[in-house]
Amino acid sequence: MRPIFVLIVAFVSVVLTTFGYGGTIMTTLRITATDGTDVGSSEFMITAPDASNWFEWTLNGGRDIVGANGNLLGSIESLKFKVLEDPATSVEFFVIAGNSATTFSIAADSVTTFDPITNPVGYASAGITLTDRNQNGASITGLYDGGKIYQAIYNGSSVYASLVNSFTAGVRKTVTQGEDRPITGGTEIIGDTLSSIDSGFHFTLSAKDSAAGTSYFEVLPVPEPATMMLLGLGALGLLRRKHSKA
């Protein structure tokens, strides 16, 4: 029998210096799941005393999700998160529901904290793959506002993006849905001062079916005018050298 765990990544705290790691990561993961009558939960610590530029954590092997009353709620087939120096965070998962519809919450709370950045540019993306595993169709229902499955959050509670609508898959079918903000690609200005970014999934999955998800949330400081001027002068110098060689 596989080790027993339950499903959210619910409290993740990673301390960084300005736009980069301070060198040490201390993370608490709390994982929960419920079928409406039974709930299971567990948490464990992750530490990285010497991290630079990026950090990645991967759950080794699958985990059965068992509630407090002993009910098998489902299983975690894989779970991963990454922290990058931009700052940026990425959360990935693959879960299977139990004999009843199962509500999963996968939330990386304060996964990236950093020195404040005023009016940064940001980008968020999420994708969900839903598979019917018992030949009766499958559904995934987002539980964030608007029926969305994923949220990118900053400063603990401010929502930057709610992404991916609820959807279904037919009998013996696999369907993938994704969404980005901004929808045109690239980045957009977030008109606020940010000191942390978080990512989370919250959804109900139909009985015995599976869902896999990926996400990415990044914020970047806008270069100061003086920096932009130096970049422009550097480009101008390159053009002049190119013309002088011609």
C-alpha atoms as a PDB file:
ATOM      1  CA  MET A   1       0.000   0.000   0.000  1.00  0.00           C
ATOM      2  CA  ARG A   2       1.282   3.448  -0.907  1.00  0.00           C
ATOM      3  CA  PRO A   3       1.946   6.047   1.826  1.00  0.00           C
ATOM      4  CA  ILE A   4      -1.133   8.022   2.863  1.00  0.00           C
ATOM      5  CA  PHE A   5      -1.338  11.719   2.054  1.00  0.00           C
ATOM      6  CA  VAL A   6      -4.112  14.186   1.138  1.00  0.00           C
ATOM      7  CA  LEU A   7      -4.176  17.048  -1.337  1.00  0.00           C
ATOM      8  CA  ILE A   8      -3.413  20.807  -1.189  1.00  0.00           C
ATOM      9  CA  VAL A   9      -0.144  22.583  -1.327  1.00  0.00           C
ATOM     10  CA  ALA A  10      -1.452  25.067   1.229  1.00  0.00           C
ATOM     11  CA  PHE A  11       1.274  26.982   2.956  1.00  0.00           C
ATOM     12  CA  VAL A  12       4.449  27.574   1.033  1.00  0.00           C
ATOM     13  CA  SER A  13       6.843  30.294   2.130  1.00  0.00           C
ATOM     14  CA  VAL A  14      10.045  31.016   0.249  1.00  0.00           C
ATOM     15  CA  VAL A  15      12.121  34.055   1.196  1.00  0.00           C
ATOM     16  CA  LEU A  16      14.066  35.818  -1.549  1.00  0.00           C
ATOM     17  CA  THR A  17      16.266  38.877  -1.867  1.00  0.00           C
ATOM     18  CA  THR A  18      15.334  41.540  -4.406  1.00  0.00           C
ATOM     19  CA  PHE A  19      14.576  39.719  -7.663  1.00  0.00           C
ATOM     20  CA  GLY A  20      16.651  36.687  -6.569  1.00  0.00           C
ATOM     21  CA  TYR A  21      17.089  34.116  -3.851  1.00  0.00           C
ATOM     22  CA  GLY A  22      18.530  34.871  -0.454  1.00  0.00           C
ATOM     23  CA  GLY A  23      20.067  31.401  -0.563  1.00  0.00           C
ATOM     24  CA  THR A  24      17.735  29.536   1.841  1.00  0.00           C
ATOM     25  CA  ILE A  25      14.262  28.095   1.215  1.00  0.00           C
ATOM     26  CA  MET A  26      11.980  26.835   4.005  1.00  0.00           C
ATOM     27  CA  THR A  27       8.638  25.471   2.833  1.00  0.00           C
ATOM     28  CA  THR A  28       5.676  23.923   4.641  1.00  0.00           C
ATOM     29  CA  LEU A  29       3.292  21.946   2.421  1.00  0.00           C
ATOM     30  CA  ARG A  30      -0.215  21.130   3.635  1.00  0.00           C
ATOM     31  CA  ILE A  31      -2.235  18.822   1.392  1.00  0.00           C
ATOM     32  CA  THR A  32      -6.036  18.341   1.770  1.00  0.00           C
ATOM     33  CA  ALA A  33      -8.956  16.717  -0.058  1.00  0.00           C
ATOM     34  CA  THR A  34     -12.654  16.105   0.681  1.00  0.00           C
ATOM     35  CA  ASP A  35     -15.583  14.122  -0.726  1.00  0.00           C
ATOM     36  CA  GLY A  36     -18.099  16.307   1.139  1.00  0.00           C
ATOM     37  CA  THR A  37     -18.353  14.049   4.181  1.00  0.00           C
ATOM     38  CA  ASP A  38     -14.746  13.141   4.936  1.00  0.00           C
ATOM     39  CA  VAL A  39     -11.591  15.268   4.887  1.00  0.00           C
ATOM     40  CA  GLY A  40      -7.939  14.295   5.055  1.00  0.00           C
ATOM     41  CA  SER A  41      -4.868  16.456   5.526  1.00  0.00           C
ATOM     42  CA  SER A  42      -1.132  16.268   6.005  1.00  0.00           C
ATOM     43  CA  GLU A  43       1.843  18.628   5.919  1.00  0.00           C
ATOM     44  CA  PHE A  44       5.603  18.357   5.677  1.00  0.00           C
ATOM     45  CA  MET A  45       8.615  20.629   5.584  1.00  0.00           C
ATOM     46  CA  ILE A  46      10.920  21.267   2.634  1.00  0.00           C
ATOM     47  CA  THR A  47      14.202  23.103   3.105  1.00  0.00           C
ATOM     48  CA  ALA A  48      16.961  24.106   0.704  1.00  0.00           C
ATOM     49  CA  PRO A  49      19.880  25.755   2.553  1.00  0.00           C
ATOM     50  CA  ASP A  50      21.795  26.631  -0.608  1.00  0.00           C
ATOM     51  CA  ALA A  51      19.463  27.689  -3.432  1.00  0.00           C
ATOM     52  CA  SER A  52      20.480  30.123  -6.145  1.00  0.00           C
ATOM     53  CA  ASN A  53      18.475  31.354  -9.137  1.00  0.00           C
ATOM     54  CA  TRP A  54      15.858  28.600  -8.926  1.00  0.00           C
ATOM     55  CA  PHE A  55      14.472  25.794  -6.768  1.00  0.00           C
ATOM     56  CA  GLU A  56      12.403  22.730  -7.692  1.00  0.00           C
ATOM     57  CA  TRP A  57      10.603  20.242  -5.440  1.00  0.00           C
ATOM     58  CA  THR A  58       8.996  17.005  -6.684  1.00  0.00           C
ATOM     59  CA  LEU A  59       6.885  14.511  -4.765  1.00  0.00           C
ATOM     60  CA  ASN A  60       8.541  11.101  -5.049  1.00  0.00           C
ATOM     61  CA  GLY A  61       6.036   8.396  -5.945  1.00  0.00           C
ATOM     62  CA  GLY A  62       2.241   8.402  -5.690  1.00  0.00           C
ATOM     63  CA  ARG A  63       0.238   9.026  -2.518  1.00  0.00           C
ATOM     64  CA  ASP A  64      -3.181   7.651  -1.551  1.00  0.00           C
ATOM     65  CA  ILE A  65      -5.517  10.311  -0.173  1.00  0.00           C
ATOM     66  CA  VAL A  66      -7.325   8.928   2.871  1.00  0.00           C
ATOM     67  CA  GLY A  67      -9.785  10.915   5.005  1.00  0.00           C
ATOM     68  CA  ALA A  68     -10.051  11.107   8.768  1.00  0.00           C
ATOM     69  CA  ASN A  69     -12.847   8.500   8.666  1.00  0.00           C
ATOM     70  CA  GLY A  70     -10.702   6.102   6.677  1.00  0.00           C
ATOM     71  CA  ASN A  71     -12.328   6.730   3.303  1.00  0.00           C
ATOM     72  CA  LEU A  72     -10.128   6.571   0.220  1.00  0.00           C
ATOM     73  CA  LEU A  73     -10.710   9.995  -1.343  1.00  0.00           C
ATOM     74  CA  GLY A  74      -8.399   9.586  -4.306  1.00  0.00           C
ATOM     75  CA  SER A  75      -4.702   9.732  -5.082  1.00  0.00           C
ATOM     76  CA  ILE A  76      -1.904  12.116  -5.977  1.00  0.00           C
ATOM     77  CA  GLU A  77       0.022  10.668  -8.893  1.00  0.00           C
ATOM     78  CA  SER A  78       2.492  13.575  -9.098  1.00  0.00           C
ATOM     79  CA  LEU A  79       3.052  17.006  -7.563  1.00  0.00           C
ATOM     80  CA  LYS A  80       5.741  19.576  -8.289  1.00  0.00           C
ATOM     81  CA  PHE A  81       6.508  23.219  -7.713  1.00  0.00           C
ATOM     82  CA  LYS A  82       9.290  25.494  -8.852  1.00  0.00           C
ATOM     83  CA  VAL A  83      10.459  28.908  -7.709  1.00  0.00           C
ATOM     84  CA  LEU A  84      12.451  31.041 -10.128  1.00  0.00           C
ATOM     85  CA  GLU A  85      14.408  34.227  -9.501  1.00  0.00           C
ATOM     86  CA  ASP A  86      12.353  36.625 -11.641  1.00  0.00           C
ATOM     87  CA  PRO A  87      10.382  36.157  -9.254  1.00  0.00           C
ATOM     88  CA  ALA A  88       8.141  33.440 -10.640  1.00  0.00           C
ATOM     89  CA  THR A  89       6.392  30.303  -9.432  1.00  0.00           C
ATOM     90  CA  SER A  90       5.185  27.156 -11.177  1.00  0.00           C
ATOM     91  CA  VAL A  91       2.851  24.466  -9.739  1.00  0.00           C
ATOM     92  CA  GLU A  92       2.110  21.126 -11.448  1.00  0.00           C
ATOM     93  CA  PHE A  93      -0.084  18.200 -10.364  1.00  0.00           C
ATOM     94  CA  PHE A  94      -1.784  14.972 -11.457  1.00  0.00           C
ATOM     95  CA  VAL A  95      -4.637  13.590  -9.299  1.00  0.00           C
ATOM     96  CA  ILE A  96      -7.279  10.862  -9.480  1.00  0.00           C
ATOM     97  CA  ALA A  97     -10.629  11.144  -7.684  1.00  0.00           C
ATOM     98  CA  GLY A  98     -11.980   8.387  -5.448  1.00  0.00           C
ATOM     99  CA  ASN A  99     -15.324   6.586  -5.674  1.00  0.00           C
ATOM    100  CA  SER A 100     -17.153   9.888  -5.131  1.00  0.00           C
ATOM    101  CA  ALA A 101     -16.576  13.316  -6.626  1.00  0.00           C
ATOM    102  CA  THR A 102     -13.584  14.826  -4.832  1.00  0.00           C
ATOM    103  CA  THR A 103     -12.783  18.459  -4.129  1.00  0.00           C
ATOM    104  CA  PHE A 104      -9.098  19.265  -4.363  1.00  0.00           C
ATOM    105  CA  SER A 105      -7.310  22.423  -3.306  1.00  0.00           C
ATOM    106  CA  ILE A 106      -3.744  22.888  -4.464  1.00  0.00           C
ATOM    107  CA  ALA A 107      -2.496  26.233  -3.195  1.00  0.00           C
ATOM    108  CA  ALA A 108       1.021  27.553  -2.957  1.00  0.00           C
ATOM    109  CA  ASP A 109       0.542  30.238  -0.311  1.00  0.00           C
ATOM    110  CA  SER A 110       3.243  32.956  -0.376  1.00  0.00           C
ATOM    111  CA  VAL A 111       5.474  30.711  -2.428  1.00  0.00           C
ATOM    112  CA  THR A 112       7.603  33.685  -3.398  1.00  0.00           C
ATOM    113  CA  THR A 113       8.220  36.643  -1.099  1.00  0.00           C
ATOM    114  CA  PHE A 114      10.629  39.378  -2.095  1.00  0.00           C
ATOM    115  CA  ASP A 115      11.571  43.015  -1.581  1.00  0.00           C
ATOM    116  CA  PRO A 116       8.678  45.220  -2.795  1.00  0.00           C
ATOM    117  CA  ILE A 117       8.383  45.896  -6.529  1.00  0.00           C
ATOM    118  CA  THR A 118       6.250  48.888  -7.553  1.00  0.00           C
ATOM    119  CA  ASN A 119       4.142  48.614 -10.718  1.00  0.00           C
ATOM    120  CA  PRO A 120       5.837  45.480 -12.112  1.00  0.00           C
ATOM    121  CA  VAL A 121       4.815  43.736 -15.307  1.00  0.00           C
ATOM    122  CA  GLY A 122       3.222  40.323 -14.902  1.00  0.00           C
ATOM    123  CA  TYR A 123       2.064  37.229 -16.739  1.00  0.00           C
ATOM    124  CA  ALA A 124       0.065  34.142 -15.662  1.00  0.00           C
ATOM    125  CA  SER A 125      -0.776  30.914 -17.475  1.00  0.00           C
ATOM    126  CA  ALA A 126      -2.581  27.688 -16.522  1.00  0.00           C
ATOM    127  CA  GLY A 127      -3.611  24.499 -18.286  1.00  0.00           C
ATOM    128  CA  ILE A 128      -5.790  21.553 -17.223  1.00  0.00           C
ATOM    129  CA  THR A 129      -6.055  18.079 -18.778  1.00  0.00           C
ATOM    130  CA  LEU A 130      -9.170  16.069 -17.869  1.00  0.00           C
ATOM    131  CA  THR A 131      -9.510  12.330 -18.601  1.00  0.00           C
ATOM    132  CA  ASP A 132     -12.508   9.991 -18.332  1.00  0.00           C
ATOM    133  CA  ARG A 133     -11.214   6.823 -16.660  1.00  0.00           C
ATOM    134  CA  ASN A 134     -14.463   4.872 -16.069  1.00  0.00           C
ATOM    135  CA  GLN A 135     -16.264   5.231 -19.411  1.00  0.00           C
ATOM    136  CA  ASN A 136     -19.068   7.544 -18.308  1.00  0.00           C
ATOM    137  CA  GLY A 137     -17.609  10.967 -19.118  1.00  0.00           C
ATOM    138  CA  ALA A 138     -15.714  13.332 -16.808  1.00  0.00           C
ATOM    139  CA  SER A 139     -16.108  16.820 -15.396  1.00  0.00           C
ATOM    140  CA  ILE A 140     -13.976  19.348 -13.549  1.00  0.00           C
ATOM    141  CA  THR A 141     -15.708  22.264 -11.822  1.00  0.00           C
ATOM    142  CA  GLY A 142     -13.708  25.333 -10.830  1.00  0.00           C
ATOM    143  CA  LEU A 143     -14.465  26.687  -7.359  1.00  0.00           C
ATOM    144  CA  TYR A 144     -12.902  30.138  -7.634  1.00  0.00           C
ATOM    145  CA  ASP A 145     -15.087  33.120  -8.576  1.00  0.00           C
ATOM    146  CA  GLY A 146     -16.584  32.747 -12.028  1.00  0.00           C
ATOM    147  CA  GLY A 147     -16.129  28.977 -11.978  1.00  0.00           C
ATOM    148  CA  LYS A 148     -12.391  29.267 -12.591  1.00  0.00           C
ATOM    149  CA  ILE A 149     -10.002  26.454 -11.677  1.00  0.00           C
ATOM    150  CA  TYR A 150      -6.749  28.412 -11.130  1.00  0.00           C
ATOM    151  CA  GLN A 151      -5.816  31.706  -9.450  1.00  0.00           C
ATOM    152  CA  ALA A 152      -2.648  33.778  -9.457  1.00  0.00           C
ATOM    153  CA  ILE A 153      -2.532  35.928  -6.300  1.00  0.00           C
ATOM    154  CA  TYR A 154      -0.185  38.599  -5.021  1.00  0.00           C
ATOM    155  CA  ASN A 155       0.306  40.128  -1.561  1.00  0.00           C
ATOM    156  CA  GLY A 156      -1.605  37.287   0.064  1.00  0.00           C
ATOM    157  CA  SER A 157      -5.126  38.099  -1.165  1.00  0.00           C
ATOM    158  CA  SER A 158      -5.119  40.294  -4.289  1.00  0.00           C
ATOM    159  CA  VAL A 159      -6.151  38.305  -7.358  1.00  0.00           C
ATOM    160  CA  TYR A 160      -4.125  39.023 -10.478  1.00  0.00           C
ATOM    161  CA  ALA A 161      -5.744  36.339 -12.654  1.00  0.00           C
ATOM    162  CA  SER A 162      -8.481  33.693 -12.440  1.00  0.00           C
ATOM    163  CA  LEU A 163      -7.989  31.228 -15.266  1.00  0.00           C
ATOM    164  CA  VAL A 164      -9.516  28.128 -16.952  1.00  0.00           C
ATOM    165  CA  ASN A 165     -13.272  27.584 -16.936  1.00  0.00           C
ATOM    166  CA  SER A 166     -15.034  24.416 -15.785  1.00  0.00           C
ATOM    167  CA  PHE A 167     -15.340  21.835 -18.577  1.00  0.00           C
ATOM    168  CA  THR A 168     -16.176  18.210 -19.389  1.00  0.00           C
ATOM    169  CA  ALA A 169     -14.747  15.278 -21.339  1.00  0.00           C
ATOM    170  CA  GLY A 170     -16.813  12.677 -23.201  1.00  0.00           C
ATOM    171  CA  VAL A 171     -16.754   8.923 -22.756  1.00  0.00           C
ATOM    172  CA  ARG A 172     -13.156   7.626 -22.972  1.00  0.00           C
ATOM    173  CA  LYS A 173     -11.975  11.117 -23.934  1.00  0.00           C
ATOM    174  CA  THR A 174      -9.160  13.395 -22.768  1.00  0.00           C
ATOM    175  CA  VAL A 175      -9.646  17.163 -23.074  1.00  0.00           C
ATOM    176  CA  THR A 176      -7.173  19.965 -22.360  1.00  0.00           C
ATOM    177  CA  GLN A 177      -8.094  23.597 -21.671  1.00  0.00           C
ATOM    178  CA  GLY A 178      -5.757  26.522 -21.009  1.00  0.00           C
ATOM    179  CA  GLU A 179      -5.867  30.263 -20.461  1.00  0.00           C
ATOM    180  CA  ASP A 180      -3.408  33.131 -20.113  1.00  0.00           C
ATOM    181  CA  ARG A 181      -3.372  36.667 -18.812  1.00  0.00           C
ATOM    182  CA  PRO A 182      -2.887  38.841 -20.747  1.00  0.00           C
ATOM    183  CA  ILE A 183      -4.734  36.886 -23.426  1.00  0.00           C
ATOM    184  CA  THR A 184      -2.651  38.473 -26.177  1.00  0.00           C
ATOM    185  CA  GLY A 185       0.585  37.100 -24.705  1.00  0.00           C
ATOM    186  CA  GLY A 186       3.504  39.074 -23.339  1.00  0.00           C
ATOM    187  CA  THR A 187       3.151  40.950 -20.060  1.00  0.00           C
ATOM    188  CA  GLU A 188       1.078  43.772 -18.600  1.00  0.00           C
ATOM    189  CA  ILE A 189       1.592  46.307 -15.834  1.00  0.00           C
ATOM    190  CA  ILE A 190       0.204  45.409 -12.391  1.00  0.00           C
ATOM    191  CA  GLY A 191      -0.631  48.767 -10.830  1.00  0.00           C
ATOM    192  CA  ASP A 192       0.364  47.987  -7.265  1.00  0.00           C
ATOM    193  CA  THR A 193       3.374  47.326  -5.043  1.00  0.00           C
ATOM    194  CA  LEU A 194       4.033  43.575  -4.800  1.00  0.00           C
ATOM    195  CA  SER A 195       5.981  41.688  -2.139  1.00  0.00           C
ATOM    196  CA  SER A 196       4.708  38.121  -2.719  1.00  0.00           C
ATOM    197  CA  ILE A 197       3.071  35.947  -5.375  1.00  0.00           C
ATOM    198  CA  ASP A 198       1.032  32.764  -4.905  1.00  0.00           C
ATOM    199  CA  SER A 199      -0.586  30.128  -7.126  1.00  0.00           C
ATOM    200  CA  GLY A 200      -3.529  27.824  -6.427  1.00  0.00           C
ATOM    201  CA  PHE A 201      -5.957  25.323  -7.946  1.00  0.00           C
ATOM    202  CA  HIS A 202      -9.400  24.654  -6.443  1.00  0.00           C
ATOM    203  CA  PHE A 203     -11.864  22.306  -8.142  1.00  0.00           C
ATOM    204  CA  THR A 204     -14.217  19.339  -7.866  1.00  0.00           C
ATOM    205  CA  LEU A 205     -13.323  16.310  -9.994  1.00  0.00           C
ATOM    206  CA  SER A 206     -15.865  13.652 -11.012  1.00  0.00           C
ATOM    207  CA  ALA A 207     -15.570  10.214  -9.409  1.00  0.00           C
ATOM    208  CA  LYS A 208     -12.691   7.962 -10.519  1.00  0.00           C
ATOM    209  CA  ASP A 209     -11.531  10.429 -13.190  1.00  0.00           C
ATOM    210  CA  SER A 210      -8.181  12.195 -13.422  1.00  0.00           C
ATOM    211  CA  ALA A 211      -6.976  15.756 -13.838  1.00  0.00           C
ATOM    212  CA  ALA A 212      -3.513  17.155 -14.459  1.00  0.00           C
ATOM    213  CA  GLY A 213      -2.577  20.803 -14.246  1.00  0.00           C
ATOM    214  CA  THR A 214       0.298  23.174 -14.888  1.00  0.00           C
ATOM    215  CA  SER A 215       0.715  26.844 -14.035  1.00  0.00           C
ATOM    216  CA  TYR A 216       3.185  29.702 -14.248  1.00  0.00           C
ATOM    217  CA  PHE A 217       3.035  33.162 -12.607  1.00  0.00           C
ATOM    218  CA  GLU A 218       5.805  35.703 -13.096  1.00  0.00           C
ATOM    219  CA  VAL A 219       6.368  39.354 -12.202  1.00  0.00           C
ATOM    220  CA  LEU A 220       9.231  41.534 -13.386  1.00  0.00           C
ATOM    221  CA  PRO A 221      10.388  45.009 -12.364  1.00  0.00           C
ATOM    222  CA  VAL A 222      10.106  47.656 -15.059  1.00  0.00           C
ATOM    223  CA  PRO A 223      13.591  49.098 -15.744  1.00  0.00           C
ATOM    224  CA  GLU A 224      14.208  52.587 -14.383  1.00  0.00           C
ATOM    225  CA  PRO A 225      14.393  55.395 -17.010  1.00  0.00           C
ATOM    226  CA  ALA A 226      18.165  55.665 -16.466  1.00  0.00           C
ATOM    227  CA  THR A 227      18.528  51.941 -17.151  1.00  0.00           C
ATOM    228  CA  MET A 228      16.457  52.247 -20.300  1.00  0.00           C
ATOM    229  CA  MET A 229      18.667  55.128 -21.424  1.00  0.00           C
ATOM    230  CA  LEU A 230      21.817  53.060 -20.879  1.00  0.00           C
ATOM    231  CA  LEU A 231      20.303  50.170 -22.832  1.00  0.00           C
ATOM    232  CA  GLY A 232      19.467  52.585 -25.647  1.00  0.00           C
ATOM    233  CA  LEU A 233      22.965  54.037 -25.671  1.00  0.00           C
ATOM    234  CA  GLY A 234      24.414  50.521 -25.755  1.00  0.00           C
ATOM    235  CA  ALA A 235      22.265  49.626 -28.751  1.00  0.00           C
ATOM    236  CA  LEU A 236      23.257  52.884 -30.457  1.00  0.00           C
ATOM    237  CA  GLY A 237      26.942  52.086 -29.877  1.00  0.00           C
ATOM    238  CA  LEU A 238      26.517  48.665 -31.474  1.00  0.00           C
ATOM    239  CA  LEU A 239      24.886  50.247 -34.519  1.00  0.00           C
ATOM    240  CA  ARG A 240      27.716  52.775 -34.872  1.00  0.00           C
ATOM    241  CA  ARG A 241      30.365  50.046 -34.680  1.00  0.00           C
ATOM    242  CA  LYS A 242      28.477  48.017 -37.257  1.00  0.00           C
ATOM    243  CA  HIS A 243      28.347  51.009 -39.646  1.00  0.00           C
ATOM    244  CA  SER A 244      32.044  51.806 -39.118  1.00  0.00           C
ATOM    245  CA  LYS A 245      32.980  48.253 -40.140  1.00  0.00           C
ATOM    246  CA  ALA A 246      30.817  48.406 -43.260  1.00  0.00           C
END
